[in-house]
């Protein structure tokens, strides 16, 4: 990555989630010094501002893919941006926004490299589908769309469906007790899909990340790294849009895992999701998040 610049873009969208708030994250992270800390660490950052602005809107009570049109509109814009950024030789660093934007990031990366893989550090397995959901919330369905288990237009944004073969995906940090997003039978049927639930990530964050990275690198020619703040236990960092108390990992452990994943020599893009600044009126937790995440990313991005 010598000489490669980073293009930072905000995706100010809460369209795919439970309620408004996440659309404020890119602005809040900038205000908390996100860009300045990267530049101070030697990263060449071009901040392109916010790509879109979409705010959560209530859908029909029985909707099983809530706000699909808005989510799809955002994801397509993200895919175009990521593809253009990679074609220009820069690395996309995408600040979300809800988790559905990662579908756009991967789709855009696939236009540049069909062999892209995904390292998914997230507090949820995101295996809900329109057929199984109780909420209809699309950011609980990201992995299901990548694997071709969910059949909406989002599943056809990139290659496939499925957008990703099992061996090009690693899942780290998910909660095995969540009835909406975790499906043990789905994962048992996919032995090639590398996975470490939160209990394993707590025990050895860097080791799990190294194993996941090595496994996916064998099958993918480039890699997207996704970090959802809800992988962090809300008792330590209450910033996640949908709180996770008593699950996930401490913030320091998430930072340790993220630093390993971001150091992938074939890194294609990084996407950060699910921060809700509404939960932090003093800014103290945002400052902790920014300090940890920039410290994890900077060594790789400045290389």
Protein backbone atom coordinates (compact mmCIF):
# COMPACT_ATOMS: atom_id res chain seq x y z
CA UNK A 1 0.00 0.00 0.00
CA UNK A 2 2.99 2.32 -0.23
CA UNK A 3 1.88 5.74 -1.44
CA UNK A 4 -1.81 4.80 -1.42
CA UNK A 5 -4.12 7.48 -0.08
CA UNK A 6 -7.30 6.98 1.90
CA UNK A 7 -10.59 8.47 0.69
CA UNK A 8 -12.94 8.95 3.60
CA UNK A 9 -16.66 9.30 2.92
CA UNK A 10 -19.61 9.52 5.25
CA UNK A 11 -22.79 7.58 4.59
CA UNK A 12 -25.25 9.44 6.79
CA UNK A 13 -28.01 6.87 6.76
CA UNK A 14 -30.26 5.18 9.29
CA UNK A 15 -32.62 3.90 6.59
CA UNK A 16 -32.03 0.23 7.30
CA UNK A 17 -32.26 0.19 11.05
CA UNK A 18 -34.57 0.44 14.09
CA UNK A 19 -34.80 4.21 14.58
CA UNK A 20 -33.05 7.45 13.69
CA UNK A 21 -29.70 8.57 15.06
CA UNK A 22 -27.01 6.79 13.07
CA UNK A 23 -27.29 9.28 10.23
CA UNK A 24 -25.52 11.71 12.60
CA UNK A 25 -22.48 9.46 13.08
CA UNK A 26 -20.18 10.70 10.27
CA UNK A 27 -20.54 14.30 11.38
CA UNK A 28 -20.04 13.38 15.04
CA UNK A 29 -16.98 11.26 14.35
CA UNK A 30 -15.37 14.07 12.37
CA UNK A 31 -16.12 16.49 15.20
CA UNK A 32 -14.50 14.07 17.64
CA UNK A 33 -11.25 14.26 15.68
CA UNK A 34 -11.43 11.12 13.55
CA UNK A 35 -9.74 12.61 10.49
CA UNK A 36 -7.21 14.65 12.46
CA UNK A 37 -6.06 11.63 14.45
CA UNK A 38 -5.48 9.60 11.27
CA UNK A 39 -3.53 12.43 9.66
CA UNK A 40 -1.45 12.91 12.82
CA UNK A 41 -0.53 9.23 12.60
CA UNK A 42 0.77 9.66 9.05
CA UNK A 43 -2.28 8.59 7.04
CA UNK A 44 -2.98 10.56 3.86
CA UNK A 45 -6.72 11.23 4.09
CA UNK A 46 -8.97 12.94 1.57
CA UNK A 47 -12.32 13.65 3.24
CA UNK A 48 -15.04 13.70 0.58
CA UNK A 49 -17.83 14.67 2.97
CA UNK A 50 -21.12 12.78 3.13
CA UNK A 51 -22.36 10.81 0.13
CA UNK A 52 -26.03 10.58 1.11
CA UNK A 53 -28.37 11.57 3.90
CA UNK A 54 -31.22 9.16 4.61
CA UNK A 55 -33.13 9.12 7.89
CA UNK A 56 -35.13 6.21 9.27
CA UNK A 57 -38.82 6.30 8.50
CA UNK A 58 -41.47 4.01 9.90
CA UNK A 59 -42.69 1.42 7.39
CA UNK A 60 -45.90 -0.59 7.31
CA UNK A 61 -46.36 -2.60 10.48
CA UNK A 62 -46.16 -5.93 8.67
CA UNK A 63 -43.19 -5.07 6.45
CA UNK A 64 -40.56 -7.82 6.35
CA UNK A 65 -37.92 -5.70 4.57
CA UNK A 66 -38.43 -2.26 6.06
CA UNK A 67 -37.57 0.80 3.96
CA UNK A 68 -36.10 -1.40 1.23
CA UNK A 69 -36.23 1.29 -1.47
CA UNK A 70 -34.22 3.77 0.63
CA UNK A 71 -31.75 1.12 1.76
CA UNK A 72 -31.22 0.01 -1.82
CA UNK A 73 -30.75 3.58 -3.00
CA UNK A 74 -28.04 4.15 -0.38
CA UNK A 75 -26.29 0.85 -1.06
CA UNK A 76 -26.14 1.52 -4.79
CA UNK A 77 -24.62 4.96 -4.20
CA UNK A 78 -22.04 3.40 -1.88
CA UNK A 79 -21.19 0.73 -4.45
CA UNK A 80 -20.56 3.37 -7.11
CA UNK A 81 -18.37 5.39 -4.75
CA UNK A 82 -16.29 2.41 -3.66
CA UNK A 83 -15.79 1.19 -7.23
CA UNK A 84 -14.69 4.66 -8.37
CA UNK A 85 -12.36 5.07 -5.40
CA UNK A 86 -10.64 1.75 -5.98
CA UNK A 87 -10.35 2.44 -9.71
CA UNK A 88 -8.56 5.67 -8.81
CA UNK A 89 -6.05 3.87 -6.63
CA UNK A 90 -7.27 5.07 -3.21
CA UNK A 91 -8.60 3.02 -0.31
CA UNK A 92 -12.22 3.70 0.71
CA UNK A 93 -12.81 4.34 4.42
CA UNK A 94 -16.58 4.49 4.85
CA UNK A 95 -18.21 5.98 7.95
CA UNK A 96 -21.79 4.85 8.45
CA UNK A 97 -24.56 4.66 8.99
CA UNK A 98 -26.27 1.33 9.48
CA UNK A 99 -24.89 -2.08 8.52
CA UNK A 100 -26.69 -2.31 5.18
CA UNK A 101 -24.08 0.03 3.70
CA UNK A 102 -21.58 -2.84 3.84
CA UNK A 103 -23.57 -4.58 1.11
CA UNK A 104 -22.79 -1.58 -1.08
CA UNK A 105 -19.12 -1.56 -0.06
CA UNK A 106 -18.65 -5.20 -1.02
CA UNK A 107 -20.62 -4.79 -4.26
CA UNK A 108 -18.43 -1.86 -5.27
CA UNK A 109 -15.25 -3.72 -4.35
CA UNK A 110 -16.39 -6.67 -6.46
CA UNK A 111 -16.48 -4.47 -9.56
CA UNK A 112 -12.78 -3.84 -9.01
CA UNK A 113 -11.93 -7.39 -7.88
CA UNK A 114 -14.46 -10.23 -8.18
CA UNK A 115 -12.38 -12.24 -5.68
CA UNK A 116 -12.97 -9.92 -2.73
CA UNK A 117 -13.62 -11.38 0.71
CA UNK A 118 -15.20 -9.94 3.87
CA UNK A 119 -14.00 -9.86 7.48
CA UNK A 120 -17.13 -9.08 9.50
CA UNK A 121 -16.54 -7.91 13.10
CA UNK A 122 -20.08 -7.48 14.42
CA UNK A 123 -22.09 -8.13 17.54
CA UNK A 124 -24.81 -9.88 15.53
CA UNK A 125 -24.72 -12.77 13.09
CA UNK A 126 -27.14 -10.83 10.84
CA UNK A 127 -28.73 -14.02 9.54
CA UNK A 128 -32.35 -12.85 9.72
CA UNK A 129 -34.28 -12.98 6.45
CA UNK A 130 -37.62 -11.53 5.32
CA UNK A 131 -39.07 -14.99 5.87
CA UNK A 132 -37.81 -15.33 9.47
CA UNK A 133 -37.69 -11.78 10.79
CA UNK A 134 -39.78 -10.44 13.62
CA UNK A 135 -38.73 -6.83 13.08
CA UNK A 136 -38.28 -6.46 9.32
CA UNK A 137 -35.10 -4.47 10.00
CA UNK A 138 -32.70 -4.91 7.09
CA UNK A 139 -29.50 -4.26 8.99
CA UNK A 140 -30.16 -7.53 10.81
CA UNK A 141 -30.01 -9.33 7.43
CA UNK A 142 -26.61 -8.40 5.99
CA UNK A 143 -24.94 -11.81 6.17
CA UNK A 144 -28.13 -13.49 4.95
CA UNK A 145 -27.99 -11.29 1.84
CA UNK A 146 -24.29 -11.98 1.26
CA UNK A 147 -24.90 -15.73 1.42
CA UNK A 148 -27.99 -15.66 -0.79
CA UNK A 149 -30.34 -16.65 2.04
CA UNK A 150 -32.37 -13.45 1.82
CA UNK A 151 -34.06 -12.73 -1.48
CA UNK A 152 -34.38 -8.98 -2.03
CA UNK A 153 -32.77 -6.65 -4.55
CA UNK A 154 -29.95 -6.12 -2.05
CA UNK A 155 -28.78 -9.67 -2.70
CA UNK A 156 -28.21 -8.78 -6.34
CA UNK A 157 -26.13 -5.65 -5.84
CA UNK A 158 -22.88 -7.42 -6.64
CA UNK A 159 -21.72 -10.80 -7.89
CA UNK A 160 -24.09 -13.73 -7.58
CA UNK A 161 -26.28 -14.35 -5.72
CA UNK A 162 -24.72 -15.40 -3.54
CA UNK A 163 -22.50 -12.32 -3.35
CA UNK A 164 -19.96 -14.23 -1.27
CA UNK A 165 -18.91 -17.87 -1.19
CA UNK A 166 -18.65 -19.26 2.33
CA UNK A 167 -14.86 -19.43 2.29
CA UNK A 168 -14.60 -15.70 1.47
CA UNK A 169 -16.38 -14.66 4.66
CA UNK A 170 -15.33 -14.61 8.30
CA UNK A 171 -17.67 -13.62 11.14
CA UNK A 172 -16.28 -12.45 14.47
CA UNK A 173 -17.93 -11.31 17.68
CA UNK A 174 -21.57 -12.30 17.19
CA UNK A 175 -24.03 -13.12 19.96
CA UNK A 176 -25.20 -16.74 19.87
CA UNK A 177 -28.19 -15.99 22.11
CA UNK A 178 -29.95 -13.49 19.85
CA UNK A 179 -33.13 -15.06 18.45
CA UNK A 180 -33.53 -12.60 15.56
CA UNK A 181 -30.09 -12.72 13.93
CA UNK A 182 -28.42 -15.98 14.98
CA UNK A 183 -29.24 -19.26 13.25
CA UNK A 184 -27.12 -22.17 14.48
CA UNK A 185 -28.41 -24.56 11.83
CA UNK A 186 -27.36 -22.22 9.03
CA UNK A 187 -23.81 -21.99 10.32
CA UNK A 188 -23.55 -25.74 11.01
CA UNK A 189 -24.38 -26.36 7.36
CA UNK A 190 -21.49 -24.09 6.25
CA UNK A 191 -18.23 -25.54 7.61
CA UNK A 192 -16.13 -23.43 5.20
CA UNK A 193 -17.42 -20.21 6.77
CA UNK A 194 -14.91 -19.12 9.41
CA UNK A 195 -16.58 -17.88 12.59
CA UNK A 196 -15.75 -16.86 16.13
CA UNK A 197 -18.65 -15.93 18.45
CA UNK A 198 -18.20 -13.25 21.07
CA UNK A 199 -17.21 -15.71 23.82
CA UNK A 200 -14.22 -16.87 21.74
CA UNK A 201 -13.29 -13.35 20.69
CA UNK A 202 -13.27 -12.24 24.34
CA UNK A 203 -10.79 -14.98 25.18
CA UNK A 204 -8.33 -14.21 22.38
CA UNK A 205 -9.22 -11.23 20.19
CA UNK A 206 -5.96 -10.98 18.26
CA UNK A 207 -5.68 -14.76 17.85
CA UNK A 208 -9.21 -15.10 16.48
CA UNK A 209 -8.60 -12.22 14.10
CA UNK A 210 -5.32 -13.72 12.85
CA UNK A 211 -6.97 -17.08 12.23
CA UNK A 212 -9.91 -15.51 10.41
CA UNK A 213 -7.63 -13.34 8.28
CA UNK A 214 -5.39 -16.24 7.32
CA UNK A 215 -8.35 -18.44 6.41
CA UNK A 216 -10.10 -15.90 4.18
CA UNK A 217 -6.85 -14.76 2.56
CA UNK A 218 -6.40 -18.25 1.14
CA UNK A 219 -9.53 -17.80 -0.98
CA UNK A 220 -9.86 -14.02 -1.51
CA UNK A 221 -7.59 -11.76 -3.54
CA UNK A 222 -8.61 -8.63 -1.60
CA UNK A 223 -10.47 -7.94 1.63
CA UNK A 224 -13.13 -5.63 3.03
CA UNK A 225 -13.11 -5.08 6.81
CA UNK A 226 -16.44 -4.31 8.51
CA UNK A 227 -16.60 -3.12 12.12
CA UNK A 228 -19.94 -2.64 13.82
CA UNK A 229 -19.61 -0.93 17.20
CA UNK A 230 -22.22 -3.30 18.60
CA UNK A 231 -19.47 -5.92 18.76
CA UNK A 232 -18.48 -3.98 21.90
CA UNK A 233 -20.31 -4.72 25.14
CA UNK A 234 -22.57 -1.74 25.85
CA UNK A 235 -21.51 -1.89 29.50
CA UNK A 236 -18.12 -0.64 28.31
CA UNK A 237 -19.15 1.56 25.37
CA UNK A 238 -22.86 2.47 25.13
CA UNK A 239 -22.73 3.79 21.57
CA UNK A 240 -24.31 0.99 19.55
CA UNK A 241 -27.60 1.88 17.86
CA UNK A 242 -29.17 -1.30 19.29
CA UNK A 243 -27.60 -1.86 22.75
CA UNK A 244 -25.84 -5.13 23.55
CA UNK A 245 -25.46 -5.38 27.31
CA UNK A 246 -23.53 -8.39 28.60
CA UNK A 247 -22.54 -9.66 25.16
CA UNK A 248 -19.73 -8.72 22.81
CA UNK A 249 -16.23 -7.76 23.91
CA UNK A 250 -14.56 -4.83 25.70
CA UNK A 251 -13.57 -1.89 23.52
CA UNK A 252 -9.88 -2.68 23.90
CA UNK A 253 -10.44 -6.24 22.66
CA UNK A 254 -12.37 -4.98 19.63
CA UNK A 255 -9.49 -2.61 18.88
CA UNK A 256 -6.99 -5.46 19.11
CA UNK A 257 -9.00 -7.55 16.65
CA UNK A 258 -9.56 -4.62 14.29
CA UNK A 259 -5.85 -3.81 14.16
CA UNK A 260 -5.09 -7.35 13.00
CA UNK A 261 -7.84 -7.36 10.36
CA UNK A 262 -6.87 -3.94 8.99
CA UNK A 263 -3.28 -5.06 8.58
CA UNK A 264 -4.29 -7.39 5.75
CA UNK A 265 -1.83 -6.75 2.89
CA UNK A 266 -4.68 -6.95 0.39
CA UNK A 267 -7.00 -4.55 2.23
CA UNK A 268 -9.54 -3.08 -0.20
CA UNK A 269 -11.90 -1.08 2.04
CA UNK A 270 -12.89 -0.42 5.65
CA UNK A 271 -16.45 0.30 6.76
CA UNK A 272 -17.47 1.45 10.26
CA UNK A 273 -21.11 1.20 11.29
CA UNK A 274 -23.85 1.54 13.90
CA UNK A 275 -22.55 4.41 16.05
CA UNK A 276 -25.47 6.45 17.40
CA UNK A 277 -24.24 9.81 18.75
CA UNK A 278 -27.64 10.42 20.38
CA UNK A 279 -26.51 8.14 23.21
CA UNK A 280 -23.48 10.27 24.08
CA UNK A 281 -24.41 13.90 24.77
CA UNK A 282 -21.09 14.58 26.52
CA UNK A 283 -18.93 13.16 23.71
CA UNK A 284 -16.82 11.08 26.09
CA UNK A 285 -17.72 7.73 24.54
CA UNK A 286 -17.26 9.03 21.00
CA UNK A 287 -13.77 10.17 21.99
CA UNK A 288 -12.94 6.68 23.30
CA UNK A 289 -14.26 5.09 20.13
CA UNK A 290 -12.29 7.46 17.89
CA UNK A 291 -9.10 6.94 19.87
CA UNK A 292 -9.39 3.14 19.74
CA UNK A 293 -10.45 2.83 16.11
CA UNK A 294 -7.94 5.29 14.68
CA UNK A 295 -5.14 3.65 16.70
CA UNK A 296 -6.15 0.28 15.25
CA UNK A 297 -6.40 1.50 11.65
CA UNK A 298 -3.56 4.00 11.39
CA UNK A 299 -0.57 1.63 11.28
CA UNK A 300 -2.05 -0.22 8.32
CA UNK A 301 -3.39 2.82 6.50
CA UNK A 302 -0.16 4.79 6.90
CA UNK A 303 2.03 1.95 5.61
